[in-house]
Amino acid sequence: MSLPICETCGTQFAPHAGVPAHCPICEDDRQYVGWQGQTWTTHEALAQRYTLRLEDDAGVLGIGLAPAFAIDQRALYLQTDAGNILWECLALVTDEAVAELRARGGVDLIAISHPHFYASMVEWSEALGGVPILIHEADRAWVQRPSERIRYWSGDEHKLSEDVTLIRCGGHFPGSTALHWKRGPRDGGALFPGDALQVVFDRRHVTFMYSYPNYIPMKPSDVRAMRERVAGYAFEDVYGYTWGRNIIGGGRQAVDDSFDRFLDAVAC
């Protein structure tokens, strides 16, 4: 059965009679409905118009749609002591991408930062052999295609191994999550924050927004809470949500400086 995919955010929905009337994710203040109104596609239609690019992004295998589609996030393949993790998800799955991941050792679990990147997460899980999908329970209501593959975690930290921890940052969404990899992919470790904090174009800072496309700043109280939650984690690198938006080297200091810069800018 062809399942509807929103063309603006890339989220795949559960089976419907026809197509849904609305995309709740796009109608929320953090996102937007396309300028031509709500439009839909399917996985089959995407496969006719798009391919997946698999390329190195600062020492990590990145996967993204070509040409760009919807929000244009890229997923990352992380080979850690917690297993091989697909961080974030995409609207399209291809046999070629699955074969490449299997050749590298397969995928043990999918972890996703927040609802804007849920995409075709169940499609990916099934293509990879039914691997679990980890998302924070605070964002359960935003799941548009429920599945037994989805495992909801709770609290502010979810330790997957000695090296890998999921951190609930909040702010952008209540369950917005960052992945911390203590000893990888380079010496000094890395933070993969999705949109909880977003690497900006100068690649020397991050910023904190409730809505990135609609330019609604995050509440200062949420930014301070996020700062407390990530305070105990060391990292040299910060990997942003899309190609090349990374801070390689000095990432911890860049994030700390960015907390100060943002809070100073919004101070009353």
Protein backbone atom coordinates (compact mmCIF):
# COMPACT_ATOMS: atom_id res chain seq x y z
CA MET A 1 0.00 0.00 0.00
CA SER A 2 1.28 3.48 -0.88
CA LEU A 3 1.52 5.58 2.24
CA PRO A 4 1.22 9.38 2.01
CA ILE A 5 4.32 11.51 2.58
CA CYS A 6 4.05 15.24 3.23
CA GLU A 7 6.03 17.10 0.57
CA THR A 8 6.94 19.97 2.91
CA CYS A 9 8.26 18.13 5.97
CA GLY A 10 8.86 14.66 4.51
CA THR A 11 6.85 12.77 7.14
CA GLN A 12 5.33 9.43 6.14
CA PHE A 13 1.81 8.80 7.46
CA ALA A 14 -0.10 5.64 8.33
CA PRO A 15 -2.55 4.24 5.74
CA HIS A 16 -5.46 6.58 4.97
CA ALA A 17 -8.51 6.42 2.78
CA GLY A 18 -7.17 8.71 0.09
CA VAL A 19 -4.78 11.30 1.54
CA PRO A 20 -4.95 13.09 4.90
CA ALA A 21 -6.63 16.48 4.97
CA HIS A 22 -3.85 17.99 7.07
CA CYS A 23 -0.25 17.51 8.17
CA PRO A 24 -0.20 18.34 11.91
CA ILE A 25 3.58 18.71 11.85
CA CYS A 26 3.45 21.41 9.15
CA GLU A 27 0.45 23.18 10.68
CA ASP A 28 2.34 23.59 13.95
CA ASP A 29 4.06 26.97 14.56
CA ARG A 30 7.49 25.31 14.33
CA GLN A 31 6.98 24.35 10.70
CA TYR A 32 4.82 25.66 7.84
CA VAL A 33 2.42 24.51 5.12
CA GLY A 34 3.91 24.80 1.64
CA TRP A 35 3.14 28.00 -0.25
CA GLN A 36 1.03 26.03 -2.75
CA GLY A 37 -0.99 24.44 0.04
CA GLN A 38 -0.80 20.96 1.51
CA THR A 39 0.59 18.47 -1.00
CA TRP A 40 1.44 14.81 -0.76
CA THR A 41 3.64 12.25 -2.44
CA THR A 42 4.45 8.56 -1.84
CA HIS A 43 7.60 6.55 -1.34
CA GLU A 44 7.17 5.06 -4.81
CA ALA A 45 6.85 8.49 -6.40
CA LEU A 46 9.91 9.79 -4.53
CA ALA A 47 11.96 6.85 -5.83
CA GLN A 48 11.21 7.93 -9.39
CA ARG A 49 12.44 11.50 -8.86
CA TYR A 50 15.17 11.23 -6.22
CA THR A 51 18.19 9.16 -5.31
CA LEU A 52 20.21 8.92 -2.10
CA ARG A 53 23.68 10.40 -1.87
CA LEU A 54 26.04 8.53 0.45
CA GLU A 55 29.11 10.65 1.14
CA ASP A 56 31.61 11.38 3.84
CA ASP A 57 30.68 14.36 6.02
CA ALA A 58 33.57 15.28 8.33
CA GLY A 59 34.60 11.68 8.87
CA VAL A 60 31.13 10.16 9.13
CA LEU A 61 29.02 8.52 6.42
CA GLY A 62 26.13 10.83 5.57
CA ILE A 63 22.97 9.89 3.68
CA GLY A 64 20.66 12.42 2.08
CA LEU A 65 18.26 12.91 -0.81
CA ALA A 66 19.45 14.21 -4.17
CA PRO A 67 18.20 16.66 -5.20
CA ALA A 68 17.19 18.23 -1.87
CA PHE A 69 13.72 17.34 -0.59
CA ALA A 70 11.56 18.81 2.22
CA ILE A 71 13.70 19.94 5.19
CA ASP A 72 16.84 18.43 3.59
CA GLN A 73 18.30 16.80 6.70
CA ARG A 74 20.88 14.07 6.26
CA ALA A 75 21.15 10.93 8.32
CA LEU A 76 24.49 9.79 9.77
CA TYR A 77 25.84 6.26 10.17
CA LEU A 78 27.66 5.93 13.50
CA GLN A 79 29.68 2.80 14.27
CA THR A 80 29.85 2.87 18.07
CA ASP A 81 30.25 0.55 21.02
CA ALA A 82 26.45 0.69 21.34
CA GLY A 83 26.19 -0.87 17.88
CA ASN A 84 25.79 0.69 14.48
CA ILE A 85 23.37 3.60 14.79
CA LEU A 86 21.45 5.41 12.06
CA TRP A 87 21.09 8.91 13.51
CA GLU A 88 18.06 10.72 12.02
CA CYS A 89 15.88 9.48 9.18
CA LEU A 90 14.90 10.32 5.61
CA ALA A 91 11.75 10.15 3.52
CA LEU A 92 13.27 7.76 0.96
CA VAL A 93 14.84 4.32 1.38
CA THR A 94 16.69 2.67 -1.50
CA ASP A 95 17.98 -0.86 -2.00
CA GLU A 96 21.40 0.57 -2.84
CA ALA A 97 21.63 2.47 0.45
CA VAL A 98 20.51 -0.55 2.46
CA ALA A 99 23.07 -2.74 0.68
CA GLU A 100 25.84 -0.23 1.43
CA LEU A 101 24.92 -0.11 5.11
CA ARG A 102 24.82 -3.90 5.29
CA ALA A 103 28.24 -4.08 3.65
CA ARG A 104 29.57 -1.82 6.40
CA GLY A 105 28.14 -4.03 9.16
CA GLY A 106 24.43 -3.23 9.13
CA VAL A 107 22.34 -1.08 11.43
CA ASP A 108 21.44 -2.11 14.99
CA LEU A 109 19.14 0.77 15.87
CA ILE A 110 17.72 4.06 14.63
CA ALA A 111 17.70 7.10 16.92
CA ILE A 112 15.97 10.35 15.97
CA SER A 113 16.30 13.81 17.46
CA HIS A 114 12.77 15.22 17.02
CA PRO A 115 9.52 15.01 14.97
CA HIS A 116 10.73 17.04 11.98
CA PHE A 117 13.13 14.19 11.18
CA TYR A 118 10.84 11.20 11.80
CA ALA A 119 10.36 11.03 8.00
CA SER A 120 9.93 7.40 6.83
CA MET A 121 11.41 5.94 10.02
CA VAL A 122 9.25 2.80 9.98
CA GLU A 123 10.07 2.21 6.30
CA TRP A 124 13.77 2.41 7.18
CA SER A 125 13.38 0.08 10.15
CA GLU A 126 11.64 -2.56 8.05
CA ALA A 127 14.19 -2.28 5.24
CA LEU A 128 16.99 -2.78 7.78
CA GLY A 129 15.42 -5.91 9.27
CA GLY A 130 13.05 -4.49 11.85
CA VAL A 131 15.60 -2.63 13.98
CA PRO A 132 14.28 -0.58 16.93
CA ILE A 133 13.60 3.15 16.59
CA LEU A 134 14.41 5.22 19.68
CA ILE A 135 12.52 8.48 20.25
CA HIS A 136 11.63 10.38 23.39
CA GLU A 137 8.20 9.71 24.86
CA ALA A 138 7.54 13.44 25.26
CA ASP A 139 7.10 13.62 21.47
CA ARG A 140 4.91 10.53 21.13
CA ALA A 141 1.91 12.56 19.94
CA TRP A 142 3.78 13.64 16.80
CA VAL A 143 4.26 10.10 15.48
CA GLN A 144 2.14 9.80 12.33
CA ARG A 145 2.85 6.13 11.56
CA PRO A 146 2.76 4.09 14.77
CA SER A 147 4.75 0.87 14.87
CA GLU A 148 5.86 -1.80 17.31
CA ARG A 149 9.40 -0.97 16.16
CA ILE A 150 9.27 2.36 18.01
CA ARG A 151 10.75 2.29 21.51
CA TYR A 152 9.98 5.33 23.64
CA TRP A 153 12.52 6.35 26.24
CA SER A 154 11.99 8.74 29.15
CA GLY A 155 13.88 11.04 31.46
CA ASP A 156 16.72 13.43 30.60
CA GLU A 157 19.33 10.78 29.72
CA HIS A 158 19.28 7.37 28.10
CA LYS A 159 22.67 5.65 28.23
CA LEU A 160 23.10 3.21 25.33
CA SER A 161 26.66 2.19 26.19
CA GLU A 162 29.79 3.40 27.91
CA ASP A 163 30.36 5.80 25.03
CA VAL A 164 26.90 6.74 23.73
CA THR A 165 24.17 8.67 25.56
CA LEU A 166 20.91 10.22 24.35
CA ILE A 167 20.26 13.57 26.07
CA ARG A 168 16.85 15.19 26.25
CA CYS A 169 17.62 18.82 25.49
CA GLY A 170 14.02 20.04 25.13
CA GLY A 171 13.33 23.56 23.93
CA HIS A 172 12.62 23.04 20.23
CA PHE A 173 10.30 20.14 21.12
CA PRO A 174 9.78 18.80 24.64
CA GLY A 175 11.61 15.61 23.66
CA SER A 176 14.28 17.17 21.42
CA THR A 177 17.28 14.88 21.73
CA ALA A 178 21.03 15.11 21.19
CA LEU A 179 23.32 12.10 20.84
CA HIS A 180 26.67 12.28 22.64
CA TRP A 181 29.45 9.98 21.46
CA LYS A 182 32.25 10.13 24.03
CA ARG A 183 35.13 8.68 22.00
CA GLY A 184 34.04 9.13 18.43
CA PRO A 185 34.20 9.65 15.61
CA ARG A 186 37.44 11.57 16.42
CA ASP A 187 39.42 11.92 19.60
CA GLY A 188 37.56 14.18 22.02
CA GLY A 189 34.08 13.00 21.09
CA ALA A 190 31.13 14.63 19.38
CA LEU A 191 27.64 15.97 19.94
CA PHE A 192 24.87 15.31 17.40
CA PRO A 193 22.09 17.72 18.44
CA GLY A 194 19.61 17.68 15.56
CA ASP A 195 17.77 20.98 15.94
CA ALA A 196 17.87 21.19 19.74
CA LEU A 197 20.76 23.52 19.10
CA GLN A 198 21.52 24.20 15.44
CA VAL A 199 24.92 24.85 13.90
CA VAL A 200 24.68 28.21 12.10
CA PHE A 201 26.24 29.20 8.79
CA ASP A 202 29.45 30.62 10.24
CA ARG A 203 30.13 27.14 11.70
CA ARG A 204 31.59 28.78 14.79
CA HIS A 205 28.35 29.02 16.77
CA VAL A 206 25.03 27.32 17.40
CA THR A 207 21.65 28.89 17.99
CA PHE A 208 18.45 27.99 19.82
CA MET A 209 15.06 28.43 18.16
CA TYR A 210 11.54 27.28 18.90
CA SER A 211 10.92 27.63 15.16
CA TYR A 212 13.79 27.87 12.71
CA PRO A 213 11.80 28.61 9.52
CA ASN A 214 9.48 31.08 11.29
CA TYR A 215 12.26 32.72 13.38
CA ILE A 216 10.68 32.25 16.82
CA PRO A 217 13.41 32.25 19.47
CA MET A 218 13.51 29.61 22.15
CA LYS A 219 12.44 30.65 25.63
CA PRO A 220 15.47 31.68 27.72
CA SER A 221 14.32 29.30 30.47
CA ASP A 222 14.45 26.41 27.99
CA VAL A 223 17.93 27.45 26.83
CA ARG A 224 19.17 27.57 30.42
CA ALA A 225 17.67 24.13 31.09
CA MET A 226 19.38 22.77 27.99
CA ARG A 227 22.67 24.24 29.14
CA GLU A 228 22.38 22.37 32.43
CA ARG A 229 21.56 19.08 30.69
CA VAL A 230 24.60 19.16 28.39
CA ALA A 231 27.00 20.73 30.91
CA GLY A 232 28.64 17.47 31.94
CA TYR A 233 29.52 16.29 28.45
CA ALA A 234 32.86 16.91 26.76
CA PHE A 235 33.08 17.01 22.95
CA GLU A 236 35.35 18.49 20.32
CA ASP A 237 32.94 18.33 17.38
CA VAL A 238 29.31 19.25 16.76
CA TYR A 239 27.53 17.68 13.79
CA GLY A 240 24.63 19.75 12.50
CA TYR A 241 21.43 18.64 10.84
CA THR A 242 22.52 18.87 7.19
CA TRP A 243 25.55 18.58 4.95
CA GLY A 244 28.61 20.52 6.08
CA ARG A 245 26.90 22.31 8.97
CA ASN A 246 29.46 21.03 11.45
CA ILE A 247 31.86 22.53 13.98
CA ILE A 248 35.03 20.44 13.80
CA GLY A 249 37.32 21.21 16.70
CA GLY A 250 36.54 23.47 19.64
CA GLY A 251 32.90 22.39 19.70
CA ARG A 252 32.45 22.48 23.47
CA GLN A 253 33.77 26.03 23.69
CA ALA A 254 31.66 27.08 20.68
CA VAL A 255 28.49 25.76 22.33
CA ASP A 256 29.31 27.43 25.66
CA ASP A 257 30.03 30.74 23.92
CA SER A 258 26.77 30.40 21.98
CA PHE A 259 24.75 29.91 25.17
CA ASP A 260 26.23 33.15 26.47
CA ARG A 261 25.70 35.00 23.20
CA PHE A 262 22.05 33.96 22.88
CA LEU A 263 21.12 34.67 26.49
CA ASP A 264 22.82 38.07 26.35
CA ALA A 265 20.91 38.92 23.15
CA VAL A 266 17.48 38.08 24.58
CA ALA A 267 18.06 39.45 28.07
CA CYS A 268 15.39 41.94 29.17
